């Protein structure tokens, strides 16, 4: 499995309600959303699919170490163990 190919700071977005697939490989041309690049490139990664219950500002995790993926919990601020 390859490591994600993007930065570790969260992407803060104004999200709408509904089912979303968030990119985990960093290759998407439409970050933070998955565009299928993980499958085309054979990364071994898959998107994080969630139902967003209500619209609002969201911080989408990009370090992939959050305990509440796909949402940022500040873990990117601590060095990986």
N, C-alpha and C. Protein backbone atom coordinates (compact mmCIF):
# COMPACT_ATOMS: atom_id res chain seq x y z
N UNK A 1 0.84 -1.18 0.00
CA UNK A 1 0.00 0.00 0.00
C UNK A 1 0.88 1.24 0.00
N UNK A 2 0.59 2.18 -0.86
CA UNK A 2 1.36 3.41 -0.95
C UNK A 2 0.90 4.41 0.10
N UNK A 3 1.79 5.31 0.48
CA UNK A 3 1.43 6.40 1.38
C UNK A 3 0.65 7.45 0.59
N UNK A 4 -0.23 8.20 1.23
CA UNK A 4 -0.94 9.27 0.55
C UNK A 4 0.03 10.27 -0.05
N UNK A 5 -0.35 10.89 -1.17
CA UNK A 5 0.55 11.77 -1.91
C UNK A 5 0.15 13.24 -1.80
N UNK A 6 -0.26 13.67 -0.63
CA UNK A 6 -0.63 15.07 -0.44
C UNK A 6 -0.17 15.52 0.93
N UNK A 7 -0.40 16.78 1.24
CA UNK A 7 0.01 17.32 2.53
C UNK A 7 -0.77 16.73 3.69
N UNK A 8 -0.41 17.16 4.90
CA UNK A 8 -1.06 16.61 6.09
C UNK A 8 -2.05 17.58 6.74
N UNK A 9 -2.03 18.85 6.35
CA UNK A 9 -2.97 19.81 6.93
C UNK A 9 -4.38 19.52 6.40
N UNK A 10 -5.40 19.72 7.23
CA UNK A 10 -6.76 19.43 6.78
C UNK A 10 -7.21 20.40 5.69
N UNK A 11 -8.16 19.95 4.89
CA UNK A 11 -8.81 20.81 3.91
C UNK A 11 -10.13 21.26 4.53
N UNK A 12 -10.29 22.56 4.73
CA UNK A 12 -11.50 23.10 5.33
C UNK A 12 -12.44 23.49 4.20
N UNK A 13 -13.65 22.92 4.23
CA UNK A 13 -14.61 23.12 3.16
C UNK A 13 -15.99 23.43 3.72
N UNK A 14 -16.83 24.03 2.91
CA UNK A 14 -18.25 24.18 3.22
C UNK A 14 -18.93 22.99 2.56
N UNK A 15 -19.32 22.02 3.36
CA UNK A 15 -19.86 20.75 2.86
C UNK A 15 -21.38 20.78 2.81
N UNK A 16 -21.92 20.05 1.86
CA UNK A 16 -23.36 19.86 1.74
C UNK A 16 -23.72 18.51 2.34
N UNK A 17 -24.99 18.33 2.65
CA UNK A 17 -25.45 17.05 3.19
C UNK A 17 -25.46 16.00 2.08
N UNK A 18 -25.32 14.73 2.47
CA UNK A 18 -25.40 13.63 1.51
C UNK A 18 -24.23 12.68 1.63
N UNK A 19 -24.26 11.63 0.82
CA UNK A 19 -23.19 10.63 0.82
C UNK A 19 -21.98 11.19 0.08
N UNK A 20 -20.81 11.09 0.71
CA UNK A 20 -19.56 11.62 0.15
C UNK A 20 -18.49 10.54 0.19
N UNK A 21 -17.60 10.58 -0.81
CA UNK A 21 -16.43 9.69 -0.85
C UNK A 21 -15.20 10.59 -0.84
N UNK A 22 -14.47 10.57 0.28
CA UNK A 22 -13.30 11.42 0.45
C UNK A 22 -12.03 10.67 0.05
N UNK A 23 -11.21 11.33 -0.76
CA UNK A 23 -9.96 10.77 -1.26
C UNK A 23 -9.01 10.43 -0.11
N UNK A 24 -8.36 9.28 -0.21
CA UNK A 24 -7.36 8.86 0.77
C UNK A 24 -5.98 8.69 0.14
N UNK A 25 -5.90 8.76 -1.21
CA UNK A 25 -4.61 8.55 -1.88
C UNK A 25 -3.91 9.85 -2.24
N UNK A 26 -4.65 10.95 -2.33
CA UNK A 26 -4.06 12.23 -2.68
C UNK A 26 -3.88 12.47 -4.16
N UNK A 27 -4.31 11.54 -5.00
CA UNK A 27 -4.14 11.67 -6.45
C UNK A 27 -5.36 12.28 -7.14
N UNK A 28 -6.44 12.45 -6.42
CA UNK A 28 -7.67 12.98 -7.02
C UNK A 28 -7.45 14.38 -7.57
N UNK A 29 -8.03 14.66 -8.71
CA UNK A 29 -8.00 16.00 -9.28
C UNK A 29 -9.07 16.86 -8.64
N UNK A 30 -9.86 16.29 -7.73
CA UNK A 30 -10.98 16.98 -7.12
C UNK A 30 -10.94 16.86 -5.58
N UNK A 31 -9.74 17.01 -4.98
CA UNK A 31 -9.63 16.91 -3.52
C UNK A 31 -10.57 17.88 -2.83
N UNK A 32 -11.23 17.48 -1.75
CA UNK A 32 -10.99 16.28 -0.97
C UNK A 32 -11.78 15.06 -1.43
N UNK A 33 -12.45 15.15 -2.57
CA UNK A 33 -13.32 14.06 -3.01
C UNK A 33 -12.57 13.06 -3.89
N UNK A 34 -12.96 11.81 -3.80
CA UNK A 34 -12.39 10.75 -4.62
C UNK A 34 -12.86 10.88 -6.07
N UNK A 35 -11.94 10.68 -7.00
CA UNK A 35 -12.31 10.64 -8.42
C UNK A 35 -11.92 9.31 -9.06
N UNK A 36 -11.58 8.31 -8.24
CA UNK A 36 -11.21 6.99 -8.75
C UNK A 36 -9.74 6.82 -9.08
N UNK A 37 -8.94 7.84 -8.86
CA UNK A 37 -7.51 7.76 -9.19
C UNK A 37 -6.81 6.62 -8.45
N UNK A 38 -7.25 6.31 -7.22
CA UNK A 38 -6.61 5.24 -6.45
C UNK A 38 -6.68 3.91 -7.19
N UNK A 39 -7.80 3.66 -7.87
CA UNK A 39 -7.97 2.40 -8.61
C UNK A 39 -7.14 2.41 -9.90
N UNK A 40 -7.16 3.53 -10.62
CA UNK A 40 -6.41 3.62 -11.88
C UNK A 40 -4.91 3.49 -11.64
N UNK A 41 -4.44 4.00 -10.50
CA UNK A 41 -3.01 3.99 -10.20
C UNK A 41 -2.58 2.79 -9.36
N UNK A 42 -3.53 1.95 -8.94
CA UNK A 42 -3.19 0.76 -8.17
C UNK A 42 -2.57 1.06 -6.82
N UNK A 43 -3.09 2.05 -6.10
CA UNK A 43 -2.49 2.47 -4.83
C UNK A 43 -2.74 1.51 -3.68
N UNK A 44 -3.79 0.70 -3.76
CA UNK A 44 -4.16 -0.15 -2.63
C UNK A 44 -4.97 0.60 -1.59
N UNK A 45 -5.25 1.87 -1.84
CA UNK A 45 -6.06 2.69 -0.93
C UNK A 45 -7.48 2.77 -1.46
N UNK A 46 -8.41 3.14 -0.60
CA UNK A 46 -9.81 3.30 -0.98
C UNK A 46 -10.35 4.57 -0.35
N UNK A 47 -11.38 5.17 -0.94
CA UNK A 47 -11.94 6.38 -0.34
C UNK A 47 -12.65 6.09 0.97
N UNK A 48 -12.79 7.10 1.79
CA UNK A 48 -13.58 7.01 3.03
C UNK A 48 -14.97 7.52 2.67
N UNK A 49 -15.96 6.63 2.69
CA UNK A 49 -17.33 6.99 2.31
C UNK A 49 -18.14 7.21 3.58
N UNK A 50 -18.80 8.37 3.65
CA UNK A 50 -19.62 8.70 4.82
C UNK A 50 -20.89 9.42 4.37
N UNK A 51 -21.90 9.36 5.22
CA UNK A 51 -23.12 10.14 5.03
C UNK A 51 -23.00 11.39 5.89
N UNK A 52 -23.00 12.55 5.25
CA UNK A 52 -22.92 13.83 5.95
C UNK A 52 -24.36 14.24 6.26
N UNK A 53 -24.76 14.30 7.54
CA UNK A 53 -26.15 14.53 7.88
C UNK A 53 -26.65 15.95 7.64
N UNK A 54 -25.75 16.94 7.76
CA UNK A 54 -26.20 18.32 7.59
C UNK A 54 -25.07 19.16 7.00
N UNK A 55 -25.42 20.22 6.28
CA UNK A 55 -24.39 21.06 5.68
C UNK A 55 -23.64 21.85 6.74
N UNK A 56 -22.43 22.28 6.39
CA UNK A 56 -21.64 23.12 7.30
C UNK A 56 -20.17 23.02 7.01
N UNK A 57 -19.40 23.79 7.77
CA UNK A 57 -17.94 23.80 7.61
C UNK A 57 -17.36 22.52 8.19
N UNK A 58 -16.53 21.87 7.41
CA UNK A 58 -15.89 20.62 7.82
C UNK A 58 -14.39 20.72 7.55
N UNK A 59 -13.60 20.13 8.43
CA UNK A 59 -12.16 20.02 8.23
C UNK A 59 -11.88 18.57 7.88
N UNK A 60 -11.54 18.33 6.62
CA UNK A 60 -11.32 16.97 6.12
C UNK A 60 -9.86 16.59 6.36
N UNK A 61 -9.65 15.52 7.12
CA UNK A 61 -8.31 15.04 7.48
C UNK A 61 -7.53 14.67 6.22
N UNK A 62 -6.26 15.08 6.18
CA UNK A 62 -5.37 14.71 5.09
C UNK A 62 -4.16 13.91 5.57
N UNK A 63 -3.98 13.79 6.89
CA UNK A 63 -2.86 12.99 7.40
C UNK A 63 -3.25 11.52 7.55
N UNK A 64 -4.55 11.25 7.57
CA UNK A 64 -5.11 9.89 7.66
C UNK A 64 -4.79 9.19 8.96
N UNK A 65 -4.49 9.97 10.01
CA UNK A 65 -4.24 9.40 11.33
C UNK A 65 -5.32 9.79 12.33
N UNK A 66 -6.30 10.57 11.90
CA UNK A 66 -7.38 11.01 12.79
C UNK A 66 -8.16 9.81 13.32
N UNK A 67 -8.58 9.89 14.56
CA UNK A 67 -9.43 8.85 15.14
C UNK A 67 -10.87 8.99 14.68
N UNK A 68 -11.18 10.09 13.98
CA UNK A 68 -12.55 10.32 13.52
C UNK A 68 -12.61 10.57 12.01
N UNK A 69 -11.85 9.80 11.24
CA UNK A 69 -11.85 9.95 9.77
C UNK A 69 -13.27 9.92 9.24
N UNK A 70 -13.58 10.77 8.27
CA UNK A 70 -12.68 11.61 7.49
C UNK A 70 -12.40 12.98 8.09
N UNK A 71 -12.88 13.23 9.30
CA UNK A 71 -12.76 14.56 9.89
C UNK A 71 -11.44 14.70 10.66
N UNK A 72 -10.88 15.89 10.60
CA UNK A 72 -9.63 16.19 11.29
C UNK A 72 -9.88 16.27 12.80
N UNK A 73 -8.97 15.68 13.57
CA UNK A 73 -9.02 15.81 15.03
C UNK A 73 -7.73 16.43 15.58
N UNK A 74 -6.90 17.00 14.70
CA UNK A 74 -5.66 17.65 15.11
C UNK A 74 -4.45 16.74 15.19
N UNK A 75 -4.62 15.47 14.88
CA UNK A 75 -3.51 14.51 14.97
C UNK A 75 -2.33 14.91 14.09
N UNK A 76 -2.57 15.61 12.98
CA UNK A 76 -1.49 16.01 12.07
C UNK A 76 -0.46 16.90 12.76
N UNK A 77 -0.82 17.49 13.90
CA UNK A 77 0.09 18.38 14.62
C UNK A 77 1.12 17.61 15.45
N UNK A 78 0.95 16.30 15.60
CA UNK A 78 1.90 15.48 16.37
C UNK A 78 2.69 14.59 15.41
N UNK A 79 3.97 14.37 15.68
CA UNK A 79 4.77 13.52 14.80
C UNK A 79 4.24 12.09 14.78
N UNK A 80 4.31 11.42 13.61
CA UNK A 80 3.89 10.02 13.56
C UNK A 80 4.78 9.16 14.45
N UNK A 81 4.19 8.13 15.01
CA UNK A 81 5.00 7.25 15.88
C UNK A 81 5.59 6.11 15.09
